[in-house]
């Protein structure tokens, strides 16, 4: 089935919520056999069903399709600040320290300039 992570994500989500296939499928308003086929990868759910699962269980579409959450912890920051944070954390630790040292230098310089 290739990169299709939907069956695995559905099963993980169902188990995390302590539901049987029958209970999970009932919440989605589909037959248990249909849901079972989705979980086994025999059938692929349509986008409406995937969106319904996302809404009902508070997970992203990315989680359902790719099997992982793709969240940006800096999304709520202004664009430049988010970019700065993402870039900083992508650096290796020794480069992070150099960046912090440079920020300290800039702070010192701004205090001494009129």
PDB file of N, CA and C in Angstrom:
ATOM      1  N   UNK A   1       0.801  -1.191   0.000  1.00  0.00           N
ATOM      2  CA  UNK A   1       0.000   0.000   0.000  1.00  0.00           C
ATOM      3  C   UNK A   1       0.850   1.264   0.000  1.00  0.00           C
ATOM      4  N   UNK A   2       2.146   1.116   0.004  1.00  0.00           N
ATOM      5  CA  UNK A   2       3.037   2.259  -0.123  1.00  0.00           C
ATOM      6  C   UNK A   2       3.077   3.133   1.108  1.00  0.00           C
ATOM      7  N   UNK A   3       2.964   4.443   0.862  1.00  0.00           N
ATOM      8  CA  UNK A   3       3.087   5.426   1.928  1.00  0.00           C
ATOM      9  C   UNK A   3       1.772   5.702   2.654  1.00  0.00           C
ATOM     10  N   UNK A   4       0.710   4.979   2.331  1.00  0.00           N
ATOM     11  CA  UNK A   4      -0.591   5.240   2.944  1.00  0.00           C
ATOM     12  C   UNK A   4      -0.553   4.859   4.419  1.00  0.00           C
ATOM     13  N   UNK A   5      -0.593   5.878   5.261  1.00  0.00           N
ATOM     14  CA  UNK A   5      -0.527   5.664   6.705  1.00  0.00           C
ATOM     15  C   UNK A   5      -1.912   5.679   7.351  1.00  0.00           C
ATOM     16  N   UNK A   6      -2.954   5.875   6.548  1.00  0.00           N
ATOM     17  CA  UNK A   6      -4.309   5.990   7.094  1.00  0.00           C
ATOM     18  C   UNK A   6      -4.716   4.760   7.906  1.00  0.00           C
ATOM     19  N   UNK A   7      -4.516   3.536   7.403  1.00  0.00           N
ATOM     20  CA  UNK A   7      -4.930   2.374   8.206  1.00  0.00           C
ATOM     21  C   UNK A   7      -4.272   2.338   9.588  1.00  0.00           C
ATOM     22  N   UNK A   8      -2.982   2.581   9.632  1.00  0.00           N
ATOM     23  CA  UNK A   8      -2.260   2.562  10.909  1.00  0.00           C
ATOM     24  C   UNK A   8      -2.746   3.677  11.833  1.00  0.00           C
ATOM     25  N   UNK A   9      -2.930   4.874  11.271  1.00  0.00           N
ATOM     26  CA  UNK A   9      -3.384   6.008  12.082  1.00  0.00           C
ATOM     27  C   UNK A   9      -4.784   5.758  12.637  1.00  0.00           C
ATOM     28  N   UNK A  10      -5.672   5.196  11.824  1.00  0.00           N
ATOM     29  CA  UNK A  10      -7.029   4.893  12.291  1.00  0.00           C
ATOM     30  C   UNK A  10      -6.994   3.903  13.449  1.00  0.00           C
ATOM     31  N   UNK A  11      -6.204   2.854  13.282  1.00  0.00           N
ATOM     32  CA  UNK A  11      -6.125   1.833  14.329  1.00  0.00           C
ATOM     33  C   UNK A  11      -5.541   2.424  15.616  1.00  0.00           C
ATOM     34  N   UNK A  12      -4.454   3.188  15.496  1.00  0.00           N
ATOM     35  CA  UNK A  12      -3.846   3.805  16.682  1.00  0.00           C
ATOM     36  C   UNK A  12      -4.838   4.724  17.389  1.00  0.00           C
ATOM     37  N   UNK A  13      -5.551   5.509  16.613  1.00  0.00           N
ATOM     38  CA  UNK A  13      -6.521   6.441  17.183  1.00  0.00           C
ATOM     39  C   UNK A  13      -7.653   5.697  17.883  1.00  0.00           C
ATOM     40  N   UNK A  14      -8.129   4.640  17.265  1.00  0.00           N
ATOM     41  CA  UNK A  14      -9.199   3.836  17.857  1.00  0.00           C
ATOM     42  C   UNK A  14      -8.745   3.223  19.172  1.00  0.00           C
ATOM     43  N   UNK A  15      -7.554   2.655  19.183  1.00  0.00           N
ATOM     44  CA  UNK A  15      -7.029   2.000  20.386  1.00  0.00           C
ATOM     45  C   UNK A  15      -6.759   3.034  21.478  1.00  0.00           C
ATOM     46  N   UNK A  16      -6.191   4.184  21.109  1.00  0.00           N
ATOM     47  CA  UNK A  16      -5.931   5.245  22.090  1.00  0.00           C
ATOM     48  C   UNK A  16      -7.208   5.702  22.782  1.00  0.00           C
ATOM     49  N   UNK A  17      -8.316   5.618  22.079  1.00  0.00           N
ATOM     50  CA  UNK A  17      -9.596   6.039  22.632  1.00  0.00           C
ATOM     51  C   UNK A  17     -10.363   4.888  23.266  1.00  0.00           C
ATOM     52  N   UNK A  18      -9.731   3.699  23.323  1.00  0.00           N
ATOM     53  CA  UNK A  18     -10.333   2.549  23.985  1.00  0.00           C
ATOM     54  C   UNK A  18     -11.610   2.063  23.334  1.00  0.00           C
ATOM     55  N   UNK A  19     -11.663   2.144  22.005  1.00  0.00           N
ATOM     56  CA  UNK A  19     -12.873   1.755  21.290  1.00  0.00           C
ATOM     57  C   UNK A  19     -12.671   0.490  20.471  1.00  0.00           C
ATOM     58  N   UNK A  20     -13.741  -0.270  20.340  1.00  0.00           N
ATOM     59  CA  UNK A  20     -13.727  -1.416  19.430  1.00  0.00           C
ATOM     60  C   UNK A  20     -13.981  -0.880  18.016  1.00  0.00           C
ATOM     61  N   UNK A  21     -13.777  -1.720  17.024  1.00  0.00           N
ATOM     62  CA  UNK A  21     -14.088  -1.307  15.659  1.00  0.00           C
ATOM     63  C   UNK A  21     -15.569  -0.950  15.533  1.00  0.00           C
ATOM     64  N   UNK A  22     -16.429  -1.702  16.199  1.00  0.00           N
ATOM     65  CA  UNK A  22     -17.871  -1.433  16.138  1.00  0.00           C
ATOM     66  C   UNK A  22     -18.197  -0.063  16.737  1.00  0.00           C
ATOM     67  N   UNK A  23     -17.601   0.259  17.868  1.00  0.00           N
ATOM     68  CA  UNK A  23     -17.854   1.549  18.514  1.00  0.00           C
ATOM     69  C   UNK A  23     -17.314   2.704  17.672  1.00  0.00           C
ATOM     70  N   UNK A  24     -16.106   2.512  17.158  1.00  0.00           N
ATOM     71  CA  UNK A  24     -15.472   3.562  16.356  1.00  0.00           C
ATOM     72  C   UNK A  24     -16.286   3.822  15.093  1.00  0.00           C
ATOM     73  N   UNK A  25     -16.688   2.737  14.421  1.00  0.00           N
ATOM     74  CA  UNK A  25     -17.446   2.884  13.178  1.00  0.00           C
ATOM     75  C   UNK A  25     -18.813   3.516  13.439  1.00  0.00           C
ATOM     76  N   UNK A  26     -19.426   3.204  14.581  1.00  0.00           N
ATOM     77  CA  UNK A  26     -20.719   3.797  14.917  1.00  0.00           C
ATOM     78  C   UNK A  26     -20.595   5.311  15.058  1.00  0.00           C
ATOM     79  N   UNK A  27     -19.515   5.762  15.700  1.00  0.00           N
ATOM     80  CA  UNK A  27     -19.291   7.208  15.853  1.00  0.00           C
ATOM     81  C   UNK A  27     -19.105   7.883  14.490  1.00  0.00           C
ATOM     82  N   UNK A  28     -18.581   7.119  13.530  1.00  0.00           N
ATOM     83  CA  UNK A  28     -18.358   7.668  12.193  1.00  0.00           C
ATOM     84  C   UNK A  28     -19.562   7.469  11.270  1.00  0.00           C
ATOM     85  N   UNK A  29     -20.567   6.764  11.792  1.00  0.00           N
ATOM     86  CA  UNK A  29     -21.787   6.525  11.029  1.00  0.00           C
ATOM     87  C   UNK A  29     -21.551   5.673   9.781  1.00  0.00           C
ATOM     88  N   UNK A  30     -20.686   4.671   9.940  1.00  0.00           N
ATOM     89  CA  UNK A  30     -20.417   3.738   8.844  1.00  0.00           C
ATOM     90  C   UNK A  30     -20.500   2.315   9.389  1.00  0.00           C
ATOM     91  N   UNK A  31     -20.630   1.345   8.489  1.00  0.00           N
ATOM     92  CA  UNK A  31     -20.700  -0.058   8.899  1.00  0.00           C
ATOM     93  C   UNK A  31     -19.358  -0.518   9.449  1.00  0.00           C
ATOM     94  N   UNK A  32     -19.391  -1.418  10.431  1.00  0.00           N
ATOM     95  CA  UNK A  32     -18.155  -1.932  11.016  1.00  0.00           C
ATOM     96  C   UNK A  32     -17.292  -2.602   9.951  1.00  0.00           C
ATOM     97  N   UNK A  33     -17.913  -3.332   9.034  1.00  0.00           N
ATOM     98  CA  UNK A  33     -17.162  -4.009   7.972  1.00  0.00           C
ATOM     99  C   UNK A  33     -16.427  -3.002   7.085  1.00  0.00           C
ATOM    100  N   UNK A  34     -17.071  -1.889   6.821  1.00  0.00           N
ATOM    101  CA  UNK A  34     -16.433  -0.838   6.013  1.00  0.00           C
ATOM    102  C   UNK A  34     -15.233  -0.277   6.761  1.00  0.00           C
ATOM    103  N   UNK A  35     -15.447   0.018   8.061  1.00  0.00           N
ATOM    104  CA  UNK A  35     -14.339   0.545   8.852  1.00  0.00           C
ATOM    105  C   UNK A  35     -13.194  -0.466   8.920  1.00  0.00           C
ATOM    106  N   UNK A  36     -13.531  -1.725   9.130  1.00  0.00           N
ATOM    107  CA  UNK A  36     -12.515  -2.769   9.202  1.00  0.00           C
ATOM    108  C   UNK A  36     -11.680  -2.807   7.920  1.00  0.00           C
ATOM    109  N   UNK A  37     -12.332  -2.628   6.791  1.00  0.00           N
ATOM    110  CA  UNK A  37     -11.614  -2.616   5.510  1.00  0.00           C
ATOM    111  C   UNK A  37     -10.664  -1.417   5.433  1.00  0.00           C
ATOM    112  N   UNK A  38     -11.062  -0.265   6.005  1.00  0.00           N
ATOM    113  CA  UNK A  38     -10.178   0.904   6.046  1.00  0.00           C
ATOM    114  C   UNK A  38      -8.963   0.617   6.923  1.00  0.00           C
ATOM    115  N   UNK A  39      -9.212   0.018   8.076  1.00  0.00           N
ATOM    116  CA  UNK A  39      -8.137  -0.236   9.030  1.00  0.00           C
ATOM    117  C   UNK A  39      -7.158  -1.287   8.497  1.00  0.00           C
ATOM    118  N   UNK A  40      -7.659  -2.219   7.704  1.00  0.00           N
ATOM    119  CA  UNK A  40      -6.796  -3.254   7.112  1.00  0.00           C
ATOM    120  C   UNK A  40      -6.116  -2.771   5.837  1.00  0.00           C
ATOM    121  N   UNK A  41      -6.518  -1.628   5.334  1.00  0.00           N
ATOM    122  CA  UNK A  41      -5.915  -1.094   4.114  1.00  0.00           C
ATOM    123  C   UNK A  41      -6.495  -1.675   2.842  1.00  0.00           C
ATOM    124  N   UNK A  42      -7.604  -2.378   2.958  1.00  0.00           N
ATOM    125  CA  UNK A  42      -8.256  -2.970   1.795  1.00  0.00           C
ATOM    126  C   UNK A  42      -9.012  -1.907   1.001  1.00  0.00           C
ATOM    127  N   UNK A  43      -9.567  -0.938   1.732  1.00  0.00           N
ATOM    128  CA  UNK A  43     -10.265   0.193   1.126  1.00  0.00           C
ATOM    129  C   UNK A  43      -9.658   1.475   1.681  1.00  0.00           C
ATOM    130  N   UNK A  44      -9.836   2.557   0.926  1.00  0.00           N
ATOM    131  CA  UNK A  44      -9.351   3.862   1.372  1.00  0.00           C
ATOM    132  C   UNK A  44     -10.546   4.771   1.629  1.00  0.00           C
ATOM    133  N   UNK A  45     -10.601   5.359   2.826  1.00  0.00           N
ATOM    134  CA  UNK A  45     -11.722   6.256   3.131  1.00  0.00           C
ATOM    135  C   UNK A  45     -11.662   7.520   2.276  1.00  0.00           C
ATOM    136  N   UNK A  46     -12.839   8.080   2.006  1.00  0.00           N
ATOM    137  CA  UNK A  46     -12.865   9.329   1.249  1.00  0.00           C
ATOM    138  C   UNK A  46     -12.488  10.498   2.157  1.00  0.00           C
ATOM    139  N   UNK A  47     -12.272  11.638   1.526  1.00  0.00           N
ATOM    140  CA  UNK A  47     -11.817  12.812   2.259  1.00  0.00           C
ATOM    141  C   UNK A  47     -12.816  13.251   3.326  1.00  0.00           C
ATOM    142  N   UNK A  48     -14.097  13.145   3.039  1.00  0.00           N
ATOM    143  CA  UNK A  48     -15.101  13.531   4.028  1.00  0.00           C
ATOM    144  C   UNK A  48     -14.974  12.706   5.303  1.00  0.00           C
ATOM    145  N   UNK A  49     -14.745  11.412   5.160  1.00  0.00           N
ATOM    146  CA  UNK A  49     -14.602  10.564   6.342  1.00  0.00           C
ATOM    147  C   UNK A  49     -13.323  10.917   7.109  1.00  0.00           C
ATOM    148  N   UNK A  50     -12.255  11.157   6.388  1.00  0.00           N
ATOM    149  CA  UNK A  50     -10.993  11.525   7.038  1.00  0.00           C
ATOM    150  C   UNK A  50     -11.158  12.841   7.798  1.00  0.00           C
ATOM    151  N   UNK A  51     -11.842  13.806   7.193  1.00  0.00           N
ATOM    152  CA  UNK A  51     -12.093  15.079   7.876  1.00  0.00           C
ATOM    153  C   UNK A  51     -12.971  14.868   9.099  1.00  0.00           C
ATOM    154  N   UNK A  52     -13.942  13.975   8.997  1.00  0.00           N
ATOM    155  CA  UNK A  52     -14.814  13.668  10.130  1.00  0.00           C
ATOM    156  C   UNK A  52     -14.009  13.084  11.290  1.00  0.00           C
ATOM    157  N   UNK A  53     -13.110  12.156  10.995  1.00  0.00           N
ATOM    158  CA  UNK A  53     -12.248  11.570  12.029  1.00  0.00           C
ATOM    159  C   UNK A  53     -11.396  12.662  12.661  1.00  0.00           C
ATOM    160  N   UNK A  54     -10.836  13.526  11.835  1.00  0.00           N
ATOM    161  CA  UNK A  54     -10.004  14.626  12.319  1.00  0.00           C
ATOM    162  C   UNK A  54     -10.781  15.515  13.290  1.00  0.00           C
ATOM    163  N   UNK A  55     -11.992  15.859  12.916  1.00  0.00           N
ATOM    164  CA  UNK A  55     -12.825  16.717  13.765  1.00  0.00           C
ATOM    165  C   UNK A  55     -13.256  16.016  15.047  1.00  0.00           C
ATOM    166  N   UNK A  56     -13.691  14.771  14.926  1.00  0.00           N
ATOM    167  CA  UNK A  56     -14.190  14.031  16.090  1.00  0.00           C
ATOM    168  C   UNK A  56     -13.116  13.782  17.140  1.00  0.00           C
ATOM    169  N   UNK A  57     -11.902  13.500  16.688  1.00  0.00           N
ATOM    170  CA  UNK A  57     -10.856  13.089  17.616  1.00  0.00           C
ATOM    171  C   UNK A  57      -9.745  14.118  17.792  1.00  0.00           C
ATOM    172  N   UNK A  58      -9.912  15.282  17.190  1.00  0.00           N
ATOM    173  CA  UNK A  58      -8.970  16.379  17.415  1.00  0.00           C
ATOM    174  C   UNK A  58      -7.559  16.102  16.944  1.00  0.00           C
ATOM    175  N   UNK A  59      -7.445  15.440  15.810  1.00  0.00           N
ATOM    176  CA  UNK A  59      -6.122  15.198  15.233  1.00  0.00           C
ATOM    177  C   UNK A  59      -6.052  15.895  13.878  1.00  0.00           C
ATOM    178  N   UNK A  60      -4.852  16.151  13.431  1.00  0.00           N
ATOM    179  CA  UNK A  60      -4.687  16.828  12.151  1.00  0.00           C
ATOM    180  C   UNK A  60      -4.863  15.847  10.997  1.00  0.00           C
ATOM    181  N   UNK A  61      -5.179  16.396   9.850  1.00  0.00           N
ATOM    182  CA  UNK A  61      -5.241  15.567   8.642  1.00  0.00           C
ATOM    183  C   UNK A  61      -3.863  14.976   8.359  1.00  0.00           C
ATOM    184  N   UNK A  62      -2.823  15.740   8.684  1.00  0.00           N
ATOM    185  CA  UNK A  62      -1.454  15.266   8.501  1.00  0.00           C
ATOM    186  C   UNK A  62      -1.213  13.983   9.295  1.00  0.00           C
ATOM    187  N   UNK A  63      -1.707  13.951  10.515  1.00  0.00           N
ATOM    188  CA  UNK A  63      -1.559  12.750  11.343  1.00  0.00           C
ATOM    189  C   UNK A  63      -2.242  11.562  10.670  1.00  0.00           C
ATOM    190  N   UNK A  64      -3.431  11.768  10.155  1.00  0.00           N
ATOM    191  CA  UNK A  64      -4.174  10.669   9.542  1.00  0.00           C
ATOM    192  C   UNK A  64      -3.552  10.206   8.235  1.00  0.00           C
ATOM    193  N   UNK A  65      -3.030  11.129   7.464  1.00  0.00           N
ATOM    194  CA  UNK A  65      -2.497  10.778   6.153  1.00  0.00           C
ATOM    195  C   UNK A  65      -1.035  10.350   6.209  1.00  0.00           C
ATOM    196  N   UNK A  66      -0.255  11.020   7.054  1.00  0.00           N
ATOM    197  CA  UNK A  66       1.183  10.735   7.118  1.00  0.00           C
ATOM    198  C   UNK A  66       1.591   9.972   8.368  1.00  0.00           C
ATOM    199  N   UNK A  67       0.670   9.844   9.315  1.00  0.00           N
ATOM    200  CA  UNK A  67       0.966   9.093  10.522  1.00  0.00           C
ATOM    201  C   UNK A  67       1.720   9.879  11.574  1.00  0.00           C
ATOM    202  N   UNK A  68       1.810  11.179  11.397  1.00  0.00           N
ATOM    203  CA  UNK A  68       2.512  11.996  12.389  1.00  0.00           C
ATOM    204  C   UNK A  68       1.923  13.382  12.396  1.00  0.00           C
ATOM    205  N   UNK A  69       2.040  14.023  13.517  1.00  0.00           N
ATOM    206  CA  UNK A  69       1.591  15.408  13.622  1.00  0.00           C
ATOM    207  C   UNK A  69       2.680  16.303  13.064  1.00  0.00           C
ATOM    208  N   UNK A  70       2.298  17.210  12.244  1.00  0.00           N
ATOM    209  CA  UNK A  70       3.225  18.206  11.728  1.00  0.00           C
ATOM    210  C   UNK A  70       2.796  19.548  12.285  1.00  0.00           C
ATOM    211  N   UNK A  71       3.204  19.807  13.479  1.00  0.00           N
ATOM    212  CA  UNK A  71       2.822  21.070  14.082  1.00  0.00           C
ATOM    213  C   UNK A  71       4.029  21.982  14.162  1.00  0.00           C
ATOM    214  N   UNK A  72       3.781  23.234  14.009  1.00  0.00           N
ATOM    215  CA  UNK A  72       4.827  24.243  14.118  1.00  0.00           C
ATOM    216  C   UNK A  72       4.647  24.942  15.458  1.00  0.00           C
ATOM    217  N   UNK A  73       5.533  24.675  16.412  1.00  0.00           N
ATOM    218  CA  UNK A  73       5.375  25.300  17.726  1.00  0.00           C
ATOM    219  C   UNK A  73       5.513  26.819  17.691  1.00  0.00           C
ATOM    220  N   UNK A  74       5.990  27.346  16.567  1.00  0.00           N
ATOM    221  CA  UNK A  74       6.209  28.784  16.466  1.00  0.00           C
ATOM    222  C   UNK A  74       5.183  29.466  15.561  1.00  0.00           C
ATOM    223  N   UNK A  75       4.137  28.746  15.187  1.00  0.00           N
ATOM    224  CA  UNK A  75       3.141  29.277  14.250  1.00  0.00           C
ATOM    225  C   UNK A  75       2.439  30.523  14.773  1.00  0.00           C
ATOM    226  N   UNK A  76       2.312  30.656  16.076  1.00  0.00           N
ATOM    227  CA  UNK A  76       1.589  31.807  16.629  1.00  0.00           C
ATOM    228  C   UNK A  76       2.471  33.062  16.727  1.00  0.00           C
ATOM    229  N   UNK A  77       3.750  32.920  16.475  1.00  0.00           N
ATOM    230  CA  UNK A  77       4.662  34.077  16.535  1.00  0.00           C
ATOM    231  C   UNK A  77       4.576  34.895  15.253  1.00  0.00           C
ATOM    232  N   UNK A  78       4.982  36.161  15.300  1.00  0.00           N
ATOM    233  CA  UNK A  78       5.101  36.921  14.050  1.00  0.00           C
ATOM    234  C   UNK A  78       6.052  36.179  13.098  1.00  0.00           C
ATOM    235  N   UNK A  79       5.857  36.385  11.811  1.00  0.00           N
ATOM    236  CA  UNK A  79       6.584  35.611  10.803  1.00  0.00           C
ATOM    237  C   UNK A  79       8.099  35.605  11.006  1.00  0.00           C
ATOM    238  N   UNK A  80       8.696  36.771  11.225  1.00  0.00           N
ATOM    239  CA  UNK A  80      10.152  36.849  11.399  1.00  0.00           C
ATOM    240  C   UNK A  80      10.614  36.112  12.653  1.00  0.00           C
ATOM    241  N   UNK A  81       9.857  36.247  13.734  1.00  0.00           N
ATOM    242  CA  UNK A  81      10.226  35.575  14.983  1.00  0.00           C
ATOM    243  C   UNK A  81      10.112  34.054  14.824  1.00  0.00           C
ATOM    244  N   UNK A  82       9.077  33.606  14.148  1.00  0.00           N
ATOM    245  CA  UNK A  82       8.922  32.172  13.900  1.00  0.00           C
ATOM    246  C   UNK A  82      10.064  31.634  13.052  1.00  0.00           C
ATOM    247  N   UNK A  83      10.422  32.395  12.025  1.00  0.00           N
ATOM    248  CA  UNK A  83      11.538  31.982  11.165  1.00  0.00           C
ATOM    249  C   UNK A  83      12.841  31.907  11.960  1.00  0.00           C
ATOM    250  N   UNK A  84      13.056  32.899  12.804  1.00  0.00           N
ATOM    251  CA  UNK A  84      14.256  32.928  13.630  1.00  0.00           C
ATOM    252  C   UNK A  84      14.312  31.696  14.545  1.00  0.00           C
ATOM    253  N   UNK A  85      13.213  31.389  15.191  1.00  0.00           N
ATOM    254  CA  UNK A  85      13.172  30.237  16.103  1.00  0.00           C
ATOM    255  C   UNK A  85      13.365  28.923  15.359  1.00  0.00           C
ATOM    256  N   UNK A  86      12.672  28.765  14.223  1.00  0.00           N
ATOM    257  CA  UNK A  86      12.821  27.521  13.447  1.00  0.00           C
ATOM    258  C   UNK A  86      14.260  27.345  12.987  1.00  0.00           C
ATOM    259  N   UNK A  87      14.873  28.432  12.526  1.00  0.00           N
ATOM    260  CA  UNK A  87      16.260  28.374  12.058  1.00  0.00           C
ATOM    261  C   UNK A  87      17.205  28.044  13.205  1.00  0.00           C
ATOM    262  N   UNK A  88      17.004  28.710  14.349  1.00  0.00           N
ATOM    263  CA  UNK A  88      17.856  28.474  15.508  1.00  0.00           C
ATOM    264  C   UNK A  88      17.823  27.001  15.918  1.00  0.00           C
ATOM    265  N   UNK A  89      16.629  26.428  16.048  1.00  0.00           N
ATOM    266  CA  UNK A  89      16.517  25.045  16.514  1.00  0.00           C
ATOM    267  C   UNK A  89      16.936  24.020  15.473  1.00  0.00           C
ATOM    268  N   UNK A  90      17.071  24.442  14.230  1.00  0.00           N
ATOM    269  CA  UNK A  90      17.570  23.539  13.195  1.00  0.00           C
ATOM    270  C   UNK A  90      19.096  23.454  13.205  1.00  0.00           C
ATOM    271  N   UNK A  91      19.739  24.402  13.909  1.00  0.00           N
ATOM    272  CA  UNK A  91      21.205  24.420  13.988  1.00  0.00           C
ATOM    273  C   UNK A  91      21.707  23.364  14.970  1.00  0.00           C
ATOM    274  N   UNK A  92      22.925  22.868  14.729  1.00  0.00           N
ATOM    275  CA  UNK A  92      23.532  21.983  15.730  1.00  0.00           C
ATOM    276  C   UNK A  92      23.839  22.784  16.999  1.00  0.00           C
ATOM    277  N   UNK A  93      23.951  22.109  18.144  1.00  0.00           N
ATOM    278  CA  UNK A  93      24.141  22.805  19.429  1.00  0.00           C
ATOM    279  C   UNK A  93      25.288  23.814  19.454  1.00  0.00           C
ATOM    280  N   UNK A  94      26.417  23.487  18.829  1.00  0.00           N
ATOM    281  CA  UNK A  94      27.545  24.425  18.867  1.00  0.00           C
ATOM    282  C   UNK A  94      27.225  25.707  18.086  1.00  0.00           C
ATOM    283  N   UNK A  95      26.465  25.585  17.011  1.00  0.00           N
ATOM    284  CA  UNK A  95      26.059  26.774  16.243  1.00  0.00           C
ATOM    285  C   UNK A  95      24.995  27.566  17.011  1.00  0.00           C
ATOM    286  N   UNK A  96      24.142  26.882  17.753  1.00  0.00           N
ATOM    287  CA  UNK A  96      23.164  27.586  18.587  1.00  0.00           C
ATOM    288  C   UNK A  96      23.891  28.472  19.601  1.00  0.00           C
ATOM    289  N   UNK A  97      24.943  27.927  20.196  1.00  0.00           N
ATOM    290  CA  UNK A  97      25.708  28.708  21.169  1.00  0.00           C
ATOM    291  C   UNK A  97      26.351  29.913  20.504  1.00  0.00           C
ATOM    292  N   UNK A  98      26.867  29.729  19.298  1.00  0.00           N
ATOM    293  CA  UNK A  98      27.450  30.857  18.573  1.00  0.00           C
ATOM    294  C   UNK A  98      26.388  31.918  18.292  1.00  0.00           C
ATOM    295  N   UNK A  99      25.198  31.492  17.939  1.00  0.00           N
ATOM    296  CA  UNK A  99      24.103  32.441  17.683  1.00  0.00           C
ATOM    297  C   UNK A  99      23.755  33.204  18.954  1.00  0.00           C
ATOM    298  N   UNK A 100      23.693  32.505  20.083  1.00  0.00           N
ATOM    299  CA  UNK A 100      23.413  33.168  21.360  1.00  0.00           C
ATOM    300  C   UNK A 100      24.514  34.150  21.728  1.00  0.00           C
ATOM    301  N   UNK A 101      25.763  33.767  21.482  1.00  0.00           N
ATOM    302  CA  UNK A 101      26.887  34.671  21.743  1.00  0.00           C
ATOM    303  C   UNK A 101      26.773  35.931  20.878  1.00  0.00           C
ATOM    304  N   UNK A 102      26.372  35.754  19.627  1.00  0.00           N
ATOM    305  CA  UNK A 102      26.218  36.896  18.726  1.00  0.00           C
ATOM    306  C   UNK A 102      25.066  37.801  19.187  1.00  0.00           C
ATOM    307  N   UNK A 103      24.000  37.212  19.652  1.00  0.00           N
ATOM    308  CA  UNK A 103      22.881  38.010  20.183  1.00  0.00           C
ATOM    309  C   UNK A 103      23.339  38.810  21.395  1.00  0.00           C
ATOM    310  N   UNK A 104      24.141  38.175  22.275  1.00  0.00           N
ATOM    311  CA  UNK A 104      24.694  38.898  23.430  1.00  0.00           C
ATOM    312  C   UNK A 104      25.542  40.080  22.968  1.00  0.00           C
ATOM    313  N   UNK A 105      26.360  39.849  21.938  1.00  0.00           N
ATOM    314  CA  UNK A 105      27.186  40.910  21.377  1.00  0.00           C
ATOM    315  C   UNK A 105      26.332  42.065  20.861  1.00  0.00           C
ATOM    316  N   UNK A 106      25.266  41.731  20.131  1.00  0.00           N
ATOM    317  CA  UNK A 106      24.388  42.771  19.587  1.00  0.00           C
ATOM    318  C   UNK A 106      23.685  43.546  20.702  1.00  0.00           C
ATOM    319  N   UNK A 107      23.279  42.844  21.753  1.00  0.00           N
ATOM    320  CA  UNK A 107      22.646  43.524  22.893  1.00  0.00           C
ATOM    321  C   UNK A 107      23.621  44.502  23.541  1.00  0.00           C
ATOM    322  N   UNK A 108      24.849  44.050  23.765  1.00  0.00           N
ATOM    323  CA  UNK A 108      25.880  44.915  24.367  1.00  0.00           C
ATOM    324  C   UNK A 108      26.117  46.143  23.486  1.00  0.00           C
ATOM    325  N   UNK A 109      26.222  45.905  22.196  1.00  0.00           N
ATOM    326  CA  UNK A 109      26.488  46.988  21.251  1.00  0.00           C
ATOM    327  C   UNK A 109      25.344  48.003  21.260  1.00  0.00           C
ATOM    328  N   UNK A 110      24.096  47.525  21.322  1.00  0.00           N
ATOM    329  CA  UNK A 110      22.965  48.448  21.296  1.00  0.00           C
ATOM    330  C   UNK A 110      22.876  49.266  22.585  1.00  0.00           C
ATOM    331  N   UNK A 111      23.391  48.738  23.683  1.00  0.00           N
ATOM    332  CA  UNK A 111      23.379  49.476  24.963  1.00  0.00           C
ATOM    333  C   UNK A 111      24.397  50.615  24.950  1.00  0.00           C
ATOM    334  N   UNK A 112      25.478  50.440  24.221  1.00  0.00           N
ATOM    335  CA  UNK A 112      26.549  51.451  24.212  1.00  0.00           C
ATOM    336  C   UNK A 112      26.383  52.484  23.112  1.00  0.00           C
ATOM    337  N   UNK A 113      25.547  52.212  22.133  1.00  0.00           N
ATOM    338  CA  UNK A 113      25.338  53.171  21.043  1.00  0.00           C
ATOM    339  C   UNK A 113      24.233  54.143  21.427  1.00  0.00           C
ATOM    340  N   UNK A 114      24.403  55.405  21.009  1.00  0.00           N
ATOM    341  CA  UNK A 114      23.353  56.415  21.321  1.00  0.00           C
ATOM    342  C   UNK A 114      22.097  56.216  20.505  1.00  0.00           C
TER     343      UNK A 114
END
